Amino acid sequence: MSRLPLRPADVAHRLSQRAADPARSGRTAQSDAWKRETFTLPRDEARAKAREAFSRFPKAAYMTEIEWWRELDDGQIEFTIRRLPTAD
């Protein structure tokens, strides 16, 4: 049986269905358990916020990390901190 080529709309539909049903996509509750916070702050305040997050939620217990960051045109830093909601 031959398969028809997928249109972009078919791919988008399949991905949206997969996102709606975590069990079908192979994702577990653990992989979706991350808590993320995104901030946009001046450089010094961004450093202070990151230090505060790491002291409040230690990396060893909460697996805290700066997941993503970038410097904006106006010199501010936009970053996302990822951590587990609770420590085991």
PDB file of N, CA and C in Angstrom:
ATOM      1  N   MET A   1       0.836  -1.173   0.000  1.00  0.00           N
ATOM      2  CA  MET A   1       0.000   0.000   0.000  1.00  0.00           C
ATOM      3  C   MET A   1       0.882   1.237   0.000  1.00  0.00           C
ATOM      4  N   SER A   2       0.641   2.135  -0.897  1.00  0.00           N
ATOM      5  CA  SER A   2       1.475   3.334  -0.973  1.00  0.00           C
ATOM      6  C   SER A   2       0.877   4.442  -0.104  1.00  0.00           C
ATOM      7  N   ARG A   3       1.755   5.274   0.432  1.00  0.00           N
ATOM      8  CA  ARG A   3       1.319   6.406   1.245  1.00  0.00           C
ATOM      9  C   ARG A   3       1.354   7.656   0.400  1.00  0.00           C
ATOM     10  N   LEU A   4       0.335   8.467   0.581  1.00  0.00           N
ATOM     11  CA  LEU A   4       0.314   9.750  -0.101  1.00  0.00           C
ATOM     12  C   LEU A   4       1.269  10.705   0.605  1.00  0.00           C
ATOM     13  N   PRO A   5       1.891  11.594  -0.137  1.00  0.00           N
ATOM     14  CA  PRO A   5       2.765  12.557   0.529  1.00  0.00           C
ATOM     15  C   PRO A   5       1.956  13.436   1.493  1.00  0.00           C
ATOM     16  N   LEU A   6       2.581  13.771   2.595  1.00  0.00           N
ATOM     17  CA  LEU A   6       1.906  14.595   3.591  1.00  0.00           C
ATOM     18  C   LEU A   6       1.960  16.063   3.206  1.00  0.00           C
ATOM     19  N   ARG A   7       0.840  16.712   3.353  1.00  0.00           N
ATOM     20  CA  ARG A   7       0.791  18.161   3.166  1.00  0.00           C
ATOM     21  C   ARG A   7       1.166  18.812   4.490  1.00  0.00           C
ATOM     22  N   PRO A   8       1.599  20.055   4.471  1.00  0.00           N
ATOM     23  CA  PRO A   8       1.908  20.738   5.733  1.00  0.00           C
ATOM     24  C   PRO A   8       0.724  20.738   6.699  1.00  0.00           C
ATOM     25  N   ALA A   9      -0.489  20.854   6.187  1.00  0.00           N
ATOM     26  CA  ALA A   9      -1.667  20.830   7.051  1.00  0.00           C
ATOM     27  C   ALA A   9      -1.812  19.472   7.735  1.00  0.00           C
ATOM     28  N   ASP A  10      -1.459  18.383   7.029  1.00  0.00           N
ATOM     29  CA  ASP A  10      -1.528  17.048   7.625  1.00  0.00           C
ATOM     30  C   ASP A  10      -0.529  16.908   8.772  1.00  0.00           C
ATOM     31  N   VAL A  11       0.661  17.415   8.539  1.00  0.00           N
ATOM     32  CA  VAL A  11       1.695  17.360   9.573  1.00  0.00           C
ATOM     33  C   VAL A  11       1.269  18.194  10.784  1.00  0.00           C
ATOM     34  N   ALA A  12       0.742  19.382  10.553  1.00  0.00           N
ATOM     35  CA  ALA A  12       0.300  20.248  11.649  1.00  0.00           C
ATOM     36  C   ALA A  12      -0.814  19.579  12.442  1.00  0.00           C
ATOM     37  N   HIS A  13      -1.741  18.941  11.754  1.00  0.00           N
ATOM     38  CA  HIS A  13      -2.837  18.251  12.433  1.00  0.00           C
ATOM     39  C   HIS A  13      -2.309  17.109  13.291  1.00  0.00           C
ATOM     40  N   ARG A  14      -1.409  16.334  12.738  1.00  0.00           N
ATOM     41  CA  ARG A  14      -0.852  15.205  13.475  1.00  0.00           C
ATOM     42  C   ARG A  14      -0.092  15.671  14.712  1.00  0.00           C
ATOM     43  N   LEU A  15       0.675  16.757  14.583  1.00  0.00           N
ATOM     44  CA  LEU A  15       1.414  17.276  15.728  1.00  0.00           C
ATOM     45  C   LEU A  15       0.488  17.851  16.795  1.00  0.00           C
ATOM     46  N   SER A  16      -0.588  18.501  16.380  1.00  0.00           N
ATOM     47  CA  SER A  16      -1.524  19.039  17.368  1.00  0.00           C
ATOM     48  C   SER A  16      -2.236  17.903  18.108  1.00  0.00           C
ATOM     49  N   GLN A  17      -2.540  16.821  17.415  1.00  0.00           N
ATOM     50  CA  GLN A  17      -3.156  15.664  18.068  1.00  0.00           C
ATOM     51  C   GLN A  17      -2.189  15.032  19.064  1.00  0.00           C
ATOM     52  N   ARG A  18      -0.929  14.981  18.688  1.00  0.00           N
ATOM     53  CA  ARG A  18       0.091  14.403  19.560  1.00  0.00           C
ATOM     54  C   ARG A  18       0.266  15.254  20.810  1.00  0.00           C
ATOM     55  N   ALA A  19       0.234  16.575  20.654  1.00  0.00           N
ATOM     56  CA  ALA A  19       0.372  17.472  21.800  1.00  0.00           C
ATOM     57  C   ALA A  19      -0.826  17.378  22.724  1.00  0.00           C
ATOM     58  N   ALA A  20      -2.005  17.122  22.170  1.00  0.00           N
ATOM     59  CA  ALA A  20      -3.225  17.034  22.976  1.00  0.00           C
ATOM     60  C   ALA A  20      -3.281  15.735  23.782  1.00  0.00           C
ATOM     61  N   ASP A  21      -2.586  14.703  23.343  1.00  0.00           N
ATOM     62  CA  ASP A  21      -2.615  13.407  24.016  1.00  0.00           C
ATOM     63  C   ASP A  21      -1.198  12.978  24.369  1.00  0.00           C
ATOM     64  N   PRO A  22      -0.693  13.334  25.570  1.00  0.00           N
ATOM     65  CA  PRO A  22       0.682  13.005  25.946  1.00  0.00           C
ATOM     66  C   PRO A  22       0.983  11.514  25.903  1.00  0.00           C
ATOM     67  N   ALA A  23      -0.012  10.668  26.166  1.00  0.00           N
ATOM     68  CA  ALA A  23       0.231   9.225  26.155  1.00  0.00           C
ATOM     69  C   ALA A  23       0.608   8.740  24.760  1.00  0.00           C
ATOM     70  N   ARG A  24      -0.008   9.310  23.728  1.00  0.00           N
ATOM     71  CA  ARG A  24       0.310   8.917  22.340  1.00  0.00           C
ATOM     72  C   ARG A  24       1.676   9.391  21.909  1.00  0.00           C
ATOM     73  N   SER A  25       2.118  10.502  22.430  1.00  0.00           N
ATOM     74  CA  SER A  25       3.381  11.069  21.968  1.00  0.00           C
ATOM     75  C   SER A  25       4.588  10.443  22.643  1.00  0.00           C
ATOM     76  N   GLY A  26       4.344   9.623  23.680  1.00  0.00           N
ATOM     77  CA  GLY A  26       5.462   9.000  24.370  1.00  0.00           C
ATOM     78  C   GLY A  26       5.997   9.856  25.507  1.00  0.00           C
ATOM     79  N   ARG A  27       5.410  11.027  25.711  1.00  0.00           N
ATOM     80  CA  ARG A  27       5.851  11.869  26.814  1.00  0.00           C
ATOM     81  C   ARG A  27       5.240  11.353  28.104  1.00  0.00           C
ATOM     82  N   THR A  28       5.968  11.519  29.173  1.00  0.00           N
ATOM     83  CA  THR A  28       5.451  11.115  30.476  1.00  0.00           C
ATOM     84  C   THR A  28       5.141  12.354  31.292  1.00  0.00           C
ATOM     85  N   ALA A  29       4.459  12.156  32.396  1.00  0.00           N
ATOM     86  CA  ALA A  29       4.148  13.280  33.280  1.00  0.00           C
ATOM     87  C   ALA A  29       5.431  13.913  33.796  1.00  0.00           C
ATOM     88  N   GLN A  30       6.472  13.114  33.996  1.00  0.00           N
ATOM     89  CA  GLN A  30       7.744  13.646  34.492  1.00  0.00           C
ATOM     90  C   GLN A  30       8.353  14.636  33.502  1.00  0.00           C
ATOM     91  N   SER A  31       8.283  14.359  32.207  1.00  0.00           N
ATOM     92  CA  SER A  31       8.888  15.254  31.232  1.00  0.00           C
ATOM     93  C   SER A  31       8.107  16.552  31.088  1.00  0.00           C
ATOM     94  N   ASP A  32       6.831  16.544  31.481  1.00  0.00           N
ATOM     95  CA  ASP A  32       6.012  17.740  31.413  1.00  0.00           C
ATOM     96  C   ASP A  32       5.937  18.464  32.752  1.00  0.00           C
ATOM     97  N   ALA A  33       6.659  17.989  33.748  1.00  0.00           N
ATOM     98  CA  ALA A  33       6.556  18.515  35.101  1.00  0.00           C
ATOM     99  C   ALA A  33       7.384  19.777  35.324  1.00  0.00           C
ATOM    100  N   TRP A  34       8.126  20.232  34.338  1.00  0.00           N
ATOM    101  CA  TRP A  34       8.986  21.399  34.525  1.00  0.00           C
ATOM    102  C   TRP A  34       8.175  22.661  34.756  1.00  0.00           C
ATOM    103  N   LYS A  35       8.655  23.477  35.653  1.00  0.00           N
ATOM    104  CA  LYS A  35       8.077  24.796  35.889  1.00  0.00           C
ATOM    105  C   LYS A  35       9.026  25.801  35.250  1.00  0.00           C
ATOM    106  N   ARG A  36       8.486  26.659  34.400  1.00  0.00           N
ATOM    107  CA  ARG A  36       9.305  27.633  33.683  1.00  0.00           C
ATOM    108  C   ARG A  36       8.826  29.038  33.987  1.00  0.00           C
ATOM    109  N   GLU A  37       9.785  29.941  34.157  1.00  0.00           N
ATOM    110  CA  GLU A  37       9.489  31.357  34.339  1.00  0.00           C
ATOM    111  C   GLU A  37      10.389  32.139  33.400  1.00  0.00           C
ATOM    112  N   THR A  38       9.812  33.087  32.681  1.00  0.00           N
ATOM    113  CA  THR A  38      10.574  33.907  31.743  1.00  0.00           C
ATOM    114  C   THR A  38      10.599  35.338  32.262  1.00  0.00           C
ATOM    115  N   PHE A  39      11.782  35.945  32.193  1.00  0.00           N
ATOM    116  CA  PHE A  39      11.991  37.305  32.672  1.00  0.00           C
ATOM    117  C   PHE A  39      12.680  38.131  31.600  1.00  0.00           C
ATOM    118  N   THR A  40      12.409  39.423  31.595  1.00  0.00           N
ATOM    119  CA  THR A  40      13.134  40.383  30.767  1.00  0.00           C
ATOM    120  C   THR A  40      13.558  41.506  31.697  1.00  0.00           C
ATOM    121  N   LEU A  41      14.868  41.572  31.956  1.00  0.00           N
ATOM    122  CA  LEU A  41      15.395  42.508  32.942  1.00  0.00           C
ATOM    123  C   LEU A  41      16.706  43.112  32.457  1.00  0.00           C
ATOM    124  N   PRO A  42      17.091  44.275  33.018  1.00  0.00           N
ATOM    125  CA  PRO A  42      18.435  44.800  32.750  1.00  0.00           C
ATOM    126  C   PRO A  42      19.480  43.777  33.231  1.00  0.00           C
ATOM    127  N   ARG A  43      20.658  43.822  32.667  1.00  0.00           N
ATOM    128  CA  ARG A  43      21.687  42.805  32.918  1.00  0.00           C
ATOM    129  C   ARG A  43      21.929  42.543  34.411  1.00  0.00           C
ATOM    130  N   ASP A  44      22.158  43.584  35.208  1.00  0.00           N
ATOM    131  CA  ASP A  44      22.452  43.387  36.628  1.00  0.00           C
ATOM    132  C   ASP A  44      21.277  42.774  37.377  1.00  0.00           C
ATOM    133  N   GLU A  45      20.070  43.221  37.054  1.00  0.00           N
ATOM    134  CA  GLU A  45      18.880  42.649  37.697  1.00  0.00           C
ATOM    135  C   GLU A  45      18.657  41.202  37.259  1.00  0.00           C
ATOM    136  N   ALA A  46      18.989  40.890  36.009  1.00  0.00           N
ATOM    137  CA  ALA A  46      18.861  39.511  35.519  1.00  0.00           C
ATOM    138  C   ALA A  46      19.814  38.592  36.281  1.00  0.00           C
ATOM    139  N   ARG A  47      21.038  39.059  36.499  1.00  0.00           N
ATOM    140  CA  ARG A  47      21.987  38.256  37.282  1.00  0.00           C
ATOM    141  C   ARG A  47      21.475  38.038  38.695  1.00  0.00           C
ATOM    142  N   ALA A  48      20.950  39.101  39.308  1.00  0.00           N
ATOM    143  CA  ALA A  48      20.427  38.988  40.674  1.00  0.00           C
ATOM    144  C   ALA A  48      19.250  38.014  40.724  1.00  0.00           C
ATOM    145  N   LYS A  49      18.359  38.076  39.732  1.00  0.00           N
ATOM    146  CA  LYS A  49      17.199  37.178  39.684  1.00  0.00           C
ATOM    147  C   LYS A  49      17.652  35.732  39.525  1.00  0.00           C
ATOM    148  N   ALA A  50      18.644  35.488  38.683  1.00  0.00           N
ATOM    149  CA  ALA A  50      19.159  34.128  38.490  1.00  0.00           C
ATOM    150  C   ALA A  50      19.793  33.611  39.778  1.00  0.00           C
ATOM    151  N   ARG A  51      20.585  34.454  40.444  1.00  0.00           N
ATOM    152  CA  ARG A  51      21.196  34.039  41.716  1.00  0.00           C
ATOM    153  C   ARG A  51      20.121  33.716  42.751  1.00  0.00           C
ATOM    154  N   GLU A  52      19.092  34.556  42.806  1.00  0.00           N
ATOM    155  CA  GLU A  52      17.988  34.331  43.740  1.00  0.00           C
ATOM    156  C   GLU A  52      17.303  32.991  43.467  1.00  0.00           C
ATOM    157  N   ALA A  53      17.055  32.694  42.209  1.00  0.00           N
ATOM    158  CA  ALA A  53      16.408  31.432  41.845  1.00  0.00           C
ATOM    159  C   ALA A  53      17.268  30.239  42.233  1.00  0.00           C
ATOM    160  N   PHE A  54      18.580  30.323  41.986  1.00  0.00           N
ATOM    161  CA  PHE A  54      19.462  29.202  42.315  1.00  0.00           C
ATOM    162  C   PHE A  54      19.627  29.035  43.824  1.00  0.00           C
ATOM    163  N   SER A  55      19.547  30.133  44.574  1.00  0.00           N
ATOM    164  CA  SER A  55      19.640  29.987  46.031  1.00  0.00           C
ATOM    165  C   SER A  55      18.322  29.484  46.609  1.00  0.00           C
ATOM    166  N   ARG A  56      17.208  29.905  46.047  1.00  0.00           N
ATOM    167  CA  ARG A  56      15.895  29.467  46.540  1.00  0.00           C
ATOM    168  C   ARG A  56      15.573  28.040  46.112  1.00  0.00           C
ATOM    169  N   PHE A  57      15.961  27.678  44.895  1.00  0.00           N
ATOM    170  CA  PHE A  57      15.708  26.350  44.343  1.00  0.00           C
ATOM    171  C   PHE A  57      17.039  25.745  43.894  1.00  0.00           C
ATOM    172  N   PRO A  58      17.807  25.132  44.811  1.00  0.00           N
ATOM    173  CA  PRO A  58      19.147  24.614  44.470  1.00  0.00           C
ATOM    174  C   PRO A  58      19.108  23.621  43.308  1.00  0.00           C
ATOM    175  N   LYS A  59      20.138  23.696  42.500  1.00  0.00           N
ATOM    176  CA  LYS A  59      20.212  22.849  41.306  1.00  0.00           C
ATOM    177  C   LYS A  59      20.171  21.361  41.666  1.00  0.00           C
ATOM    178  N   ALA A  60      20.832  20.995  42.749  1.00  0.00           N
ATOM    179  CA  ALA A  60      20.884  19.580  43.127  1.00  0.00           C
ATOM    180  C   ALA A  60      19.506  19.027  43.486  1.00  0.00           C
ATOM    181  N   ALA A  61      18.648  19.841  44.073  1.00  0.00           N
ATOM    182  CA  ALA A  61      17.334  19.355  44.495  1.00  0.00           C
ATOM    183  C   ALA A  61      16.255  19.577  43.439  1.00  0.00           C
ATOM    184  N   TYR A  62      16.284  20.729  42.772  1.00  0.00           N
ATOM    185  CA  TYR A  62      15.213  21.097  41.837  1.00  0.00           C
ATOM    186  C   TYR A  62      15.627  21.022  40.370  1.00  0.00           C
ATOM    187  N   MET A  63      16.873  20.669  40.124  1.00  0.00           N
ATOM    188  CA  MET A  63      17.416  20.615  38.759  1.00  0.00           C
ATOM    189  C   MET A  63      17.235  21.961  38.045  1.00  0.00           C
ATOM    190  N   THR A  64      17.414  23.033  38.790  1.00  0.00           N
ATOM    191  CA  THR A  64      17.244  24.389  38.272  1.00  0.00           C
ATOM    192  C   THR A  64      18.309  24.677  37.228  1.00  0.00           C
ATOM    193  N   GLU A  65      17.898  25.355  36.150  1.00  0.00           N
ATOM    194  CA  GLU A  65      18.856  25.782  35.129  1.00  0.00           C
ATOM    195  C   GLU A  65      18.288  26.951  34.336  1.00  0.00           C
ATOM    196  N   ILE A  66      19.199  27.723  33.763  1.00  0.00           N
ATOM    197  CA  ILE A  66      18.795  28.748  32.803  1.00  0.00           C
ATOM    198  C   ILE A  66      18.615  27.999  31.498  1.00  0.00           C
ATOM    199  N   GLU A  67      17.373  27.827  31.102  1.00  0.00           N
ATOM    200  CA  GLU A  67      17.071  27.013  29.928  1.00  0.00           C
ATOM    201  C   GLU A  67      17.401  27.745  28.630  1.00  0.00           C
ATOM    202  N   TRP A  68      17.195  29.059  28.640  1.00  0.00           N
ATOM    203  CA  TRP A  68      17.372  29.827  27.406  1.00  0.00           C
ATOM    204  C   TRP A  68      17.587  31.278  27.778  1.00  0.00           C
ATOM    205  N   TRP A  69      18.445  31.978  27.043  1.00  0.00           N
ATOM    206  CA  TRP A  69      18.611  33.408  27.273  1.00  0.00           C
ATOM    207  C   TRP A  69      19.077  34.088  25.998  1.00  0.00           C
ATOM    208  N   ARG A  70      18.845  35.420  25.940  1.00  0.00           N
ATOM    209  CA  ARG A  70      19.334  36.228  24.823  1.00  0.00           C
ATOM    210  C   ARG A  70      19.411  37.678  25.273  1.00  0.00           C
ATOM    211  N   GLU A  71      20.263  38.432  24.594  1.00  0.00           N
ATOM    212  CA  GLU A  71      20.374  39.862  24.858  1.00  0.00           C
ATOM    213  C   GLU A  71      19.535  40.592  23.814  1.00  0.00           C
ATOM    214  N   LEU A  72      18.637  41.443  24.280  1.00  0.00           N
ATOM    215  CA  LEU A  72      17.775  42.204  23.385  1.00  0.00           C
ATOM    216  C   LEU A  72      18.507  43.443  22.879  1.00  0.00           C
ATOM    217  N   ASP A  73      17.962  44.087  21.844  1.00  0.00           N
ATOM    218  CA  ASP A  73      18.581  45.263  21.246  1.00  0.00           C
ATOM    219  C   ASP A  73      18.776  46.399  22.240  1.00  0.00           C
ATOM    220  N   ASP A  74      17.871  46.510  23.215  1.00  0.00           N
ATOM    221  CA  ASP A  74      17.976  47.593  24.189  1.00  0.00           C
ATOM    222  C   ASP A  74      18.910  47.257  25.350  1.00  0.00           C
ATOM    223  N   GLY A  75      19.603  46.126  25.285  1.00  0.00           N
ATOM    224  CA  GLY A  75      20.569  45.743  26.302  1.00  0.00           C
ATOM    225  C   GLY A  75      19.988  44.889  27.421  1.00  0.00           C
ATOM    226  N   GLN A  76      18.690  44.697  27.436  1.00  0.00           N
ATOM    227  CA  GLN A  76      18.091  43.858  28.468  1.00  0.00           C
ATOM    228  C   GLN A  76      18.327  42.388  28.149  1.00  0.00           C
ATOM    229  N   ILE A  77      18.226  41.578  29.180  1.00  0.00           N
ATOM    230  CA  ILE A  77      18.411  40.139  29.036  1.00  0.00           C
ATOM    231  C   ILE A  77      17.052  39.469  29.210  1.00  0.00           C
ATOM    232  N   GLU A  78      16.698  38.637  28.253  1.00  0.00           N
ATOM    233  CA  GLU A  78      15.483  37.827  28.348  1.00  0.00           C
ATOM    234  C   GLU A  78      15.936  36.397  28.596  1.00  0.00           C
ATOM    235  N   PHE A  79      15.398  35.772  29.641  1.00  0.00           N
ATOM    236  CA  PHE A  79      15.828  34.416  29.966  1.00  0.00           C
ATOM    237  C   PHE A  79      14.702  33.619  30.588  1.00  0.00           C
ATOM    238  N   THR A  80      14.827  32.299  30.481  1.00  0.00           N
ATOM    239  CA  THR A  80      13.861  31.374  31.047  1.00  0.00           C
ATOM    240  C   THR A  80      14.572  30.470  32.032  1.00  0.00           C
ATOM    241  N   ILE A  81      14.024  30.405  33.249  1.00  0.00           N
ATOM    242  CA  ILE A  81      14.546  29.518  34.283  1.00  0.00           C
ATOM    243  C   ILE A  81      13.621  28.304  34.346  1.00  0.00           C
ATOM    244  N   ARG A  82      14.234  27.126  34.300  1.00  0.00           N
ATOM    245  CA  ARG A  82      13.469  25.880  34.358  1.00  0.00           C
ATOM    246  C   ARG A  82      13.837  25.134  35.631  1.00  0.00           C
ATOM    247  N   ARG A  83      12.827  24.588  36.315  1.00  0.00           N
ATOM    248  CA  ARG A  83      13.069  23.811  37.522  1.00  0.00           C
ATOM    249  C   ARG A  83      11.919  22.841  37.748  1.00  0.00           C
ATOM    250  N   LEU A  84      12.147  21.874  38.610  1.00  0.00           N
ATOM    251  CA  LEU A  84      11.080  20.993  39.038  1.00  0.00           C
ATOM    252  C   LEU A  84      10.253  21.715  40.093  1.00  0.00           C
ATOM    253  N   PRO A  85       8.945  21.485  40.153  1.00  0.00           N
ATOM    254  CA  PRO A  85       8.123  22.204  41.118  1.00  0.00           C
ATOM    255  C   PRO A  85       8.407  21.828  42.579  1.00  0.00           C
ATOM    256  N   THR A  86       8.852  20.610  42.816  1.00  0.00           N
ATOM    257  CA  THR A  86       9.164  20.169  44.178  1.00  0.00           C
ATOM    258  C   THR A  86      10.450  19.363  44.178  1.00  0.00           C
ATOM    259  N   ALA A  87      11.084  19.313  45.315  1.00  0.00           N
ATOM    260  CA  ALA A  87      12.287  18.496  45.457  1.00  0.00           C
ATOM    261  C   ALA A  87      11.896  17.142  46.023  1.00  0.00           C
ATOM    262  N   ASP A  88      12.575  16.094  45.588  1.00  0.00           N
ATOM    263  CA  ASP A  88      12.286  14.745  46.107  1.00  0.00           C
ATOM    264  C   ASP A  88      13.096  14.466  47.336  1.00  0.00           C
TER     265      ASP A  88
END
